[in-house]
Amino acid sequence: MSQSSSRSNNLVVPQATAALQQLKLEAAQELGVTIPQDGYYGNYTSRETGSLGGYITKRLVQLAEQQLSGRSTM
């Protein structure tokens, strides 16, 4: 099974790809996790990938809360 066909997390808004990639890079930098250039995370621990995913989710929730309250930072 190829990497592209195994992905199940399709974006609702495909135009958000660049912003999400930037958020991932910023989160990884803050947590001290290096993003693999080839996109393969198999050499990373569950703790590393989990902390990165959790941090990104937390930031996305914060951004949504700000936008919903009218305090958009964008």
PDB file of N, CA and C in Angstrom:
ATOM      1  N   MET A   1       0.854  -1.176   0.000  1.00  0.00           N
ATOM      2  CA  MET A   1       0.000   0.000   0.000  1.00  0.00           C
ATOM      3  C   MET A   1       0.897   1.236   0.000  1.00  0.00           C
ATOM      4  N   SER A   2       0.684   2.133  -0.922  1.00  0.00           N
ATOM      5  CA  SER A   2       1.532   3.323  -1.010  1.00  0.00           C
ATOM      6  C   SER A   2       1.167   4.322   0.075  1.00  0.00           C
ATOM      7  N   GLN A   3       2.094   5.227   0.358  1.00  0.00           N
ATOM      8  CA  GLN A   3       1.892   6.207   1.415  1.00  0.00           C
ATOM      9  C   GLN A   3       0.694   7.101   1.125  1.00  0.00           C
ATOM     10  N   SER A   4       0.507   7.527  -0.124  1.00  0.00           N
ATOM     11  CA  SER A   4      -0.587   8.424  -0.447  1.00  0.00           C
ATOM     12  C   SER A   4      -1.946   7.748  -0.312  1.00  0.00           C
ATOM     13  N   SER A   5      -2.060   6.457  -0.605  1.00  0.00           N
ATOM     14  CA  SER A   5      -3.344   5.786  -0.499  1.00  0.00           C
ATOM     15  C   SER A   5      -3.662   5.369   0.936  1.00  0.00           C
ATOM     16  N   SER A   6      -2.701   5.373   1.826  1.00  0.00           N
ATOM     17  CA  SER A   6      -2.948   4.970   3.198  1.00  0.00           C
ATOM     18  C   SER A   6      -3.373   6.147   4.078  1.00  0.00           C
ATOM     19  N   ARG A   7      -3.287   7.357   3.551  1.00  0.00           N
ATOM     20  CA  ARG A   7      -3.682   8.531   4.330  1.00  0.00           C
ATOM     21  C   ARG A   7      -5.199   8.631   4.411  1.00  0.00           C
ATOM     22  N   SER A   8      -5.700   8.821   5.601  1.00  0.00           N
ATOM     23  CA  SER A   8      -7.139   8.960   5.773  1.00  0.00           C
ATOM     24  C   SER A   8      -7.509  10.350   6.284  1.00  0.00           C
ATOM     25  N   ASN A   9      -6.528  11.195   6.506  1.00  0.00           N
ATOM     26  CA  ASN A   9      -6.795  12.526   7.047  1.00  0.00           C
ATOM     27  C   ASN A   9      -6.811  13.564   5.928  1.00  0.00           C
ATOM     28  N   ASN A  10      -7.871  13.536   5.125  1.00  0.00           N
ATOM     29  CA  ASN A  10      -8.011  14.482   4.037  1.00  0.00           C
ATOM     30  C   ASN A  10      -8.458  15.830   4.592  1.00  0.00           C
ATOM     31  N   LEU A  11      -7.891  16.904   4.074  1.00  0.00           N
ATOM     32  CA  LEU A  11      -8.231  18.236   4.539  1.00  0.00           C
ATOM     33  C   LEU A  11      -9.597  18.663   4.034  1.00  0.00           C
ATOM     34  N   VAL A  12     -10.377  19.276   4.894  1.00  0.00           N
ATOM     35  CA  VAL A  12     -11.666  19.826   4.503  1.00  0.00           C
ATOM     36  C   VAL A  12     -11.438  21.055   3.628  1.00  0.00           C
ATOM     37  N   VAL A  13     -10.407  21.833   3.974  1.00  0.00           N
ATOM     38  CA  VAL A  13     -10.041  23.029   3.213  1.00  0.00           C
ATOM     39  C   VAL A  13      -8.616  22.827   2.694  1.00  0.00           C
ATOM     40  N   PRO A  14      -8.469  22.313   1.480  1.00  0.00           N
ATOM     41  CA  PRO A  14      -7.137  22.027   0.947  1.00  0.00           C
ATOM     42  C   PRO A  14      -6.204  23.245   0.904  1.00  0.00           C
ATOM     43  N   GLN A  15      -6.767  24.442   0.832  1.00  0.00           N
ATOM     44  CA  GLN A  15      -5.952  25.656   0.806  1.00  0.00           C
ATOM     45  C   GLN A  15      -5.228  25.889   2.138  1.00  0.00           C
ATOM     46  N   ALA A  16      -5.587  25.152   3.168  1.00  0.00           N
ATOM     47  CA  ALA A  16      -4.968  25.304   4.476  1.00  0.00           C
ATOM     48  C   ALA A  16      -3.672  24.503   4.602  1.00  0.00           C
ATOM     49  N   THR A  17      -3.281  23.783   3.575  1.00  0.00           N
ATOM     50  CA  THR A  17      -2.103  22.915   3.628  1.00  0.00           C
ATOM     51  C   THR A  17      -0.856  23.661   4.068  1.00  0.00           C
ATOM     52  N   ALA A  18      -0.570  24.804   3.468  1.00  0.00           N
ATOM     53  CA  ALA A  18       0.642  25.561   3.799  1.00  0.00           C
ATOM     54  C   ALA A  18       0.610  26.053   5.246  1.00  0.00           C
ATOM     55  N   ALA A  19      -0.542  26.536   5.693  1.00  0.00           N
ATOM     56  CA  ALA A  19      -0.657  27.033   7.074  1.00  0.00           C
ATOM     57  C   ALA A  19      -0.480  25.895   8.071  1.00  0.00           C
ATOM     58  N   LEU A  20      -1.039  24.736   7.775  1.00  0.00           N
ATOM     59  CA  LEU A  20      -0.885  23.590   8.670  1.00  0.00           C
ATOM     60  C   LEU A  20       0.559  23.091   8.703  1.00  0.00           C
ATOM     61  N   GLN A  21       1.220  23.114   7.565  1.00  0.00           N
ATOM     62  CA  GLN A  21       2.624  22.714   7.516  1.00  0.00           C
ATOM     63  C   GLN A  21       3.475  23.665   8.353  1.00  0.00           C
ATOM     64  N   GLN A  22       3.189  24.954   8.258  1.00  0.00           N
ATOM     65  CA  GLN A  22       3.920  25.952   9.042  1.00  0.00           C
ATOM     66  C   GLN A  22       3.673  25.741  10.533  1.00  0.00           C
ATOM     67  N   LEU A  23       2.436  25.450  10.908  1.00  0.00           N
ATOM     68  CA  LEU A  23       2.100  25.186  12.306  1.00  0.00           C
ATOM     69  C   LEU A  23       2.853  23.957  12.802  1.00  0.00           C
ATOM     70  N   LYS A  24       2.946  22.926  11.969  1.00  0.00           N
ATOM     71  CA  LYS A  24       3.682  21.715  12.341  1.00  0.00           C
ATOM     72  C   LYS A  24       5.158  22.020  12.575  1.00  0.00           C
ATOM     73  N   LEU A  25       5.747  22.810  11.684  1.00  0.00           N
ATOM     74  CA  LEU A  25       7.162  23.160  11.826  1.00  0.00           C
ATOM     75  C   LEU A  25       7.413  23.982  13.087  1.00  0.00           C
ATOM     76  N   GLU A  26       6.523  24.945  13.366  1.00  0.00           N
ATOM     77  CA  GLU A  26       6.672  25.767  14.570  1.00  0.00           C
ATOM     78  C   GLU A  26       6.525  24.921  15.832  1.00  0.00           C
ATOM     79  N   ALA A  27       5.552  24.019  15.840  1.00  0.00           N
ATOM     80  CA  ALA A  27       5.336  23.157  16.997  1.00  0.00           C
ATOM     81  C   ALA A  27       6.538  22.253  17.219  1.00  0.00           C
ATOM     82  N   ALA A  28       7.060  21.673  16.158  1.00  0.00           N
ATOM     83  CA  ALA A  28       8.224  20.792  16.274  1.00  0.00           C
ATOM     84  C   ALA A  28       9.427  21.556  16.816  1.00  0.00           C
ATOM     85  N   GLN A  29       9.610  22.773  16.344  1.00  0.00           N
ATOM     86  CA  GLN A  29      10.736  23.585  16.810  1.00  0.00           C
ATOM     87  C   GLN A  29      10.597  23.892  18.293  1.00  0.00           C
ATOM     88  N   GLU A  30       9.392  24.251  18.733  1.00  0.00           N
ATOM     89  CA  GLU A  30       9.173  24.556  20.148  1.00  0.00           C
ATOM     90  C   GLU A  30       9.374  23.335  21.034  1.00  0.00           C
ATOM     91  N   LEU A  31       9.037  22.143  20.510  1.00  0.00           N
ATOM     92  CA  LEU A  31       9.167  20.921  21.298  1.00  0.00           C
ATOM     93  C   LEU A  31      10.521  20.245  21.128  1.00  0.00           C
ATOM     94  N   GLY A  32      11.336  20.744  20.205  1.00  0.00           N
ATOM     95  CA  GLY A  32      12.648  20.144  19.974  1.00  0.00           C
ATOM     96  C   GLY A  32      12.601  18.851  19.188  1.00  0.00           C
ATOM     97  N   VAL A  33      11.552  18.663  18.392  1.00  0.00           N
ATOM     98  CA  VAL A  33      11.406  17.475  17.554  1.00  0.00           C
ATOM     99  C   VAL A  33      11.760  17.863  16.124  1.00  0.00           C
ATOM    100  N   THR A  34      12.625  17.084  15.494  1.00  0.00           N
ATOM    101  CA  THR A  34      13.017  17.349  14.114  1.00  0.00           C
ATOM    102  C   THR A  34      12.041  16.670  13.170  1.00  0.00           C
ATOM    103  N   ILE A  35      11.480  17.434  12.230  1.00  0.00           N
ATOM    104  CA  ILE A  35      10.567  16.880  11.228  1.00  0.00           C
ATOM    105  C   ILE A  35      11.403  16.140  10.186  1.00  0.00           C
ATOM    106  N   PRO A  36      11.073  14.861   9.903  1.00  0.00           N
ATOM    107  CA  PRO A  36      11.838  14.120   8.894  1.00  0.00           C
ATOM    108  C   PRO A  36      11.601  14.693   7.499  1.00  0.00           C
ATOM    109  N   GLN A  37      12.672  14.902   6.754  1.00  0.00           N
ATOM    110  CA  GLN A  37      12.568  15.470   5.414  1.00  0.00           C
ATOM    111  C   GLN A  37      11.794  14.573   4.460  1.00  0.00           C
ATOM    112  N   ASP A  38      11.865  13.254   4.665  1.00  0.00           N
ATOM    113  CA  ASP A  38      11.183  12.325   3.764  1.00  0.00           C
ATOM    114  C   ASP A  38       9.750  12.022   4.197  1.00  0.00           C
ATOM    115  N   GLY A  39       9.320  12.599   5.339  1.00  0.00           N
ATOM    116  CA  GLY A  39       7.951  12.392   5.806  1.00  0.00           C
ATOM    117  C   GLY A  39       7.728  11.083   6.545  1.00  0.00           C
ATOM    118  N   TYR A  40       8.789  10.296   6.744  1.00  0.00           N
ATOM    119  CA  TYR A  40       8.674   9.001   7.417  1.00  0.00           C
ATOM    120  C   TYR A  40       8.927   9.175   8.910  1.00  0.00           C
ATOM    121  N   TYR A  41       7.929   8.875   9.727  1.00  0.00           N
ATOM    122  CA  TYR A  41       8.030   9.042  11.177  1.00  0.00           C
ATOM    123  C   TYR A  41       8.306   7.723  11.896  1.00  0.00           C
ATOM    124  N   GLY A  42       8.621   6.653  11.163  1.00  0.00           N
ATOM    125  CA  GLY A  42       8.821   5.340  11.745  1.00  0.00           C
ATOM    126  C   GLY A  42       9.974   5.247  12.724  1.00  0.00           C
ATOM    127  N   ASN A  43      10.934   6.166  12.640  1.00  0.00           N
ATOM    128  CA  ASN A  43      12.070   6.152  13.550  1.00  0.00           C
ATOM    129  C   ASN A  43      11.860   7.014  14.792  1.00  0.00           C
ATOM    130  N   TYR A  44      10.653   7.542  14.950  1.00  0.00           N
ATOM    131  CA  TYR A  44      10.351   8.405  16.083  1.00  0.00           C
ATOM    132  C   TYR A  44       9.567   7.624  17.125  1.00  0.00           C
ATOM    133  N   THR A  45       9.704   8.044  18.373  1.00  0.00           N
ATOM    134  CA  THR A  45       8.978   7.375  19.443  1.00  0.00           C
ATOM    135  C   THR A  45       7.534   7.863  19.468  1.00  0.00           C
ATOM    136  N   SER A  46       6.679   7.073  20.087  1.00  0.00           N
ATOM    137  CA  SER A  46       5.282   7.475  20.254  1.00  0.00           C
ATOM    138  C   SER A  46       5.191   8.763  21.060  1.00  0.00           C
ATOM    139  N   ARG A  47       6.106   8.931  22.001  1.00  0.00           N
ATOM    140  CA  ARG A  47       6.113  10.145  22.817  1.00  0.00           C
ATOM    141  C   ARG A  47       6.388  11.368  21.951  1.00  0.00           C
ATOM    142  N   GLU A  48       7.349  11.260  21.050  1.00  0.00           N
ATOM    143  CA  GLU A  48       7.691  12.397  20.181  1.00  0.00           C
ATOM    144  C   GLU A  48       6.532  12.760  19.255  1.00  0.00           C
ATOM    145  N   THR A  49       5.994  11.759  18.565  1.00  0.00           N
ATOM    146  CA  THR A  49       4.913  12.049  17.625  1.00  0.00           C
ATOM    147  C   THR A  49       3.631  12.430  18.357  1.00  0.00           C
ATOM    148  N   GLY A  50       3.393  11.818  19.493  1.00  0.00           N
ATOM    149  CA  GLY A  50       2.208  12.148  20.286  1.00  0.00           C
ATOM    150  C   GLY A  50       2.256  13.547  20.855  1.00  0.00           C
ATOM    151  N   SER A  51       3.429  13.955  21.329  1.00  0.00           N
ATOM    152  CA  SER A  51       3.544  15.307  21.878  1.00  0.00           C
ATOM    153  C   SER A  51       3.385  16.338  20.780  1.00  0.00           C
ATOM    154  N   LEU A  52       3.898  16.038  19.604  1.00  0.00           N
ATOM    155  CA  LEU A  52       3.762  16.950  18.474  1.00  0.00           C
ATOM    156  C   LEU A  52       2.291  17.065  18.056  1.00  0.00           C
ATOM    157  N   GLY A  53       1.631  15.938  17.910  1.00  0.00           N
ATOM    158  CA  GLY A  53       0.213  15.949  17.542  1.00  0.00           C
ATOM    159  C   GLY A  53      -0.657  16.632  18.584  1.00  0.00           C
ATOM    160  N   GLY A  54      -0.368  16.372  19.845  1.00  0.00           N
ATOM    161  CA  GLY A  54      -1.123  17.010  20.926  1.00  0.00           C
ATOM    162  C   GLY A  54      -0.929  18.509  20.958  1.00  0.00           C
ATOM    163  N   TYR A  55       0.295  18.945  20.743  1.00  0.00           N
ATOM    164  CA  TYR A  55       0.589  20.380  20.741  1.00  0.00           C
ATOM    165  C   TYR A  55      -0.110  21.071  19.575  1.00  0.00           C
ATOM    166  N   ILE A  56      -0.072  20.439  18.404  1.00  0.00           N
ATOM    167  CA  ILE A  56      -0.730  21.016  17.229  1.00  0.00           C
ATOM    168  C   ILE A  56      -2.236  21.124  17.479  1.00  0.00           C
ATOM    169  N   THR A  57      -2.838  20.077  18.040  1.00  0.00           N
ATOM    170  CA  THR A  57      -4.268  20.110  18.343  1.00  0.00           C
ATOM    171  C   THR A  57      -4.588  21.228  19.321  1.00  0.00           C
ATOM    172  N   LYS A  58      -3.775  21.384  20.343  1.00  0.00           N
ATOM    173  CA  LYS A  58      -3.981  22.450  21.328  1.00  0.00           C
ATOM    174  C   LYS A  58      -3.940  23.817  20.657  1.00  0.00           C
ATOM    175  N   ARG A  59      -2.957  24.035  19.784  1.00  0.00           N
ATOM    176  CA  ARG A  59      -2.848  25.319  19.077  1.00  0.00           C
ATOM    177  C   ARG A  59      -4.035  25.557  18.156  1.00  0.00           C
ATOM    178  N   LEU A  60      -4.497  24.513  17.446  1.00  0.00           N
ATOM    179  CA  LEU A  60      -5.647  24.661  16.562  1.00  0.00           C
ATOM    180  C   LEU A  60      -6.903  25.023  17.356  1.00  0.00           C
ATOM    181  N   VAL A  61      -7.080  24.426  18.522  1.00  0.00           N
ATOM    182  CA  VAL A  61      -8.225  24.762  19.374  1.00  0.00           C
ATOM    183  C   VAL A  61      -8.113  26.208  19.849  1.00  0.00           C
ATOM    184  N   GLN A  62      -6.924  26.640  20.248  1.00  0.00           N
ATOM    185  CA  GLN A  62      -6.734  28.027  20.679  1.00  0.00           C
ATOM    186  C   GLN A  62      -7.060  29.003  19.551  1.00  0.00           C
ATOM    187  N   LEU A  63      -6.587  28.698  18.326  1.00  0.00           N
ATOM    188  CA  LEU A  63      -6.870  29.567  17.183  1.00  0.00           C
ATOM    189  C   LEU A  63      -8.370  29.631  16.895  1.00  0.00           C
ATOM    190  N   ALA A  64      -9.043  28.491  16.971  1.00  0.00           N
ATOM    191  CA  ALA A  64     -10.485  28.459  16.732  1.00  0.00           C
ATOM    192  C   ALA A  64     -11.225  29.248  17.797  1.00  0.00           C
ATOM    193  N   GLU A  65     -10.823  29.106  19.053  1.00  0.00           N
ATOM    194  CA  GLU A  65     -11.472  29.854  20.146  1.00  0.00           C
ATOM    195  C   GLU A  65     -11.287  31.354  19.942  1.00  0.00           C
ATOM    196  N   GLN A  66     -10.087  31.766  19.558  1.00  0.00           N
ATOM    197  CA  GLN A  66      -9.829  33.186  19.306  1.00  0.00           C
ATOM    198  C   GLN A  66     -10.690  33.695  18.161  1.00  0.00           C
ATOM    199  N   GLN A  67     -10.783  32.914  17.110  1.00  0.00           N
ATOM    200  CA  GLN A  67     -11.568  33.331  15.946  1.00  0.00           C
ATOM    201  C   GLN A  67     -13.053  33.415  16.310  1.00  0.00           C
ATOM    202  N   LEU A  68     -13.546  32.450  17.053  1.00  0.00           N
ATOM    203  CA  LEU A  68     -14.952  32.457  17.451  1.00  0.00           C
ATOM    204  C   LEU A  68     -15.286  33.598  18.404  1.00  0.00           C
ATOM    205  N   SER A  69     -14.328  34.011  19.197  1.00  0.00           N
ATOM    206  CA  SER A  69     -14.579  35.108  20.135  1.00  0.00           C
ATOM    207  C   SER A  69     -14.326  36.478  19.504  1.00  0.00           C
ATOM    208  N   GLY A  70     -13.900  36.474  18.234  1.00  0.00           N
ATOM    209  CA  GLY A  70     -13.676  37.746  17.536  1.00  0.00           C
ATOM    210  C   GLY A  70     -12.305  38.326  17.740  1.00  0.00           C
ATOM    211  N   ARG A  71     -11.395  37.569  18.331  1.00  0.00           N
ATOM    212  CA  ARG A  71     -10.030  38.052  18.579  1.00  0.00           C
ATOM    213  C   ARG A  71      -9.047  37.383  17.649  1.00  0.00           C
ATOM    214  N   SER A  72      -9.401  37.265  16.409  1.00  0.00           N
ATOM    215  CA  SER A  72      -8.561  36.576  15.432  1.00  0.00           C
ATOM    216  C   SER A  72      -7.174  37.207  15.377  1.00  0.00           C
ATOM    217  N   THR A  73      -6.138  36.353  15.365  1.00  0.00           N
ATOM    218  CA  THR A  73      -4.758  36.835  15.298  1.00  0.00           C
ATOM    219  C   THR A  73      -4.257  36.851  13.873  1.00  0.00           C
ATOM    220  N   MET A  74      -5.110  36.485  12.925  1.00  0.00           N
ATOM    221  CA  MET A  74      -4.685  36.426  11.528  1.00  0.00           C
ATOM    222  C   MET A  74      -5.066  37.693  10.808  1.00  0.00           C
TER     223      MET A  74
END
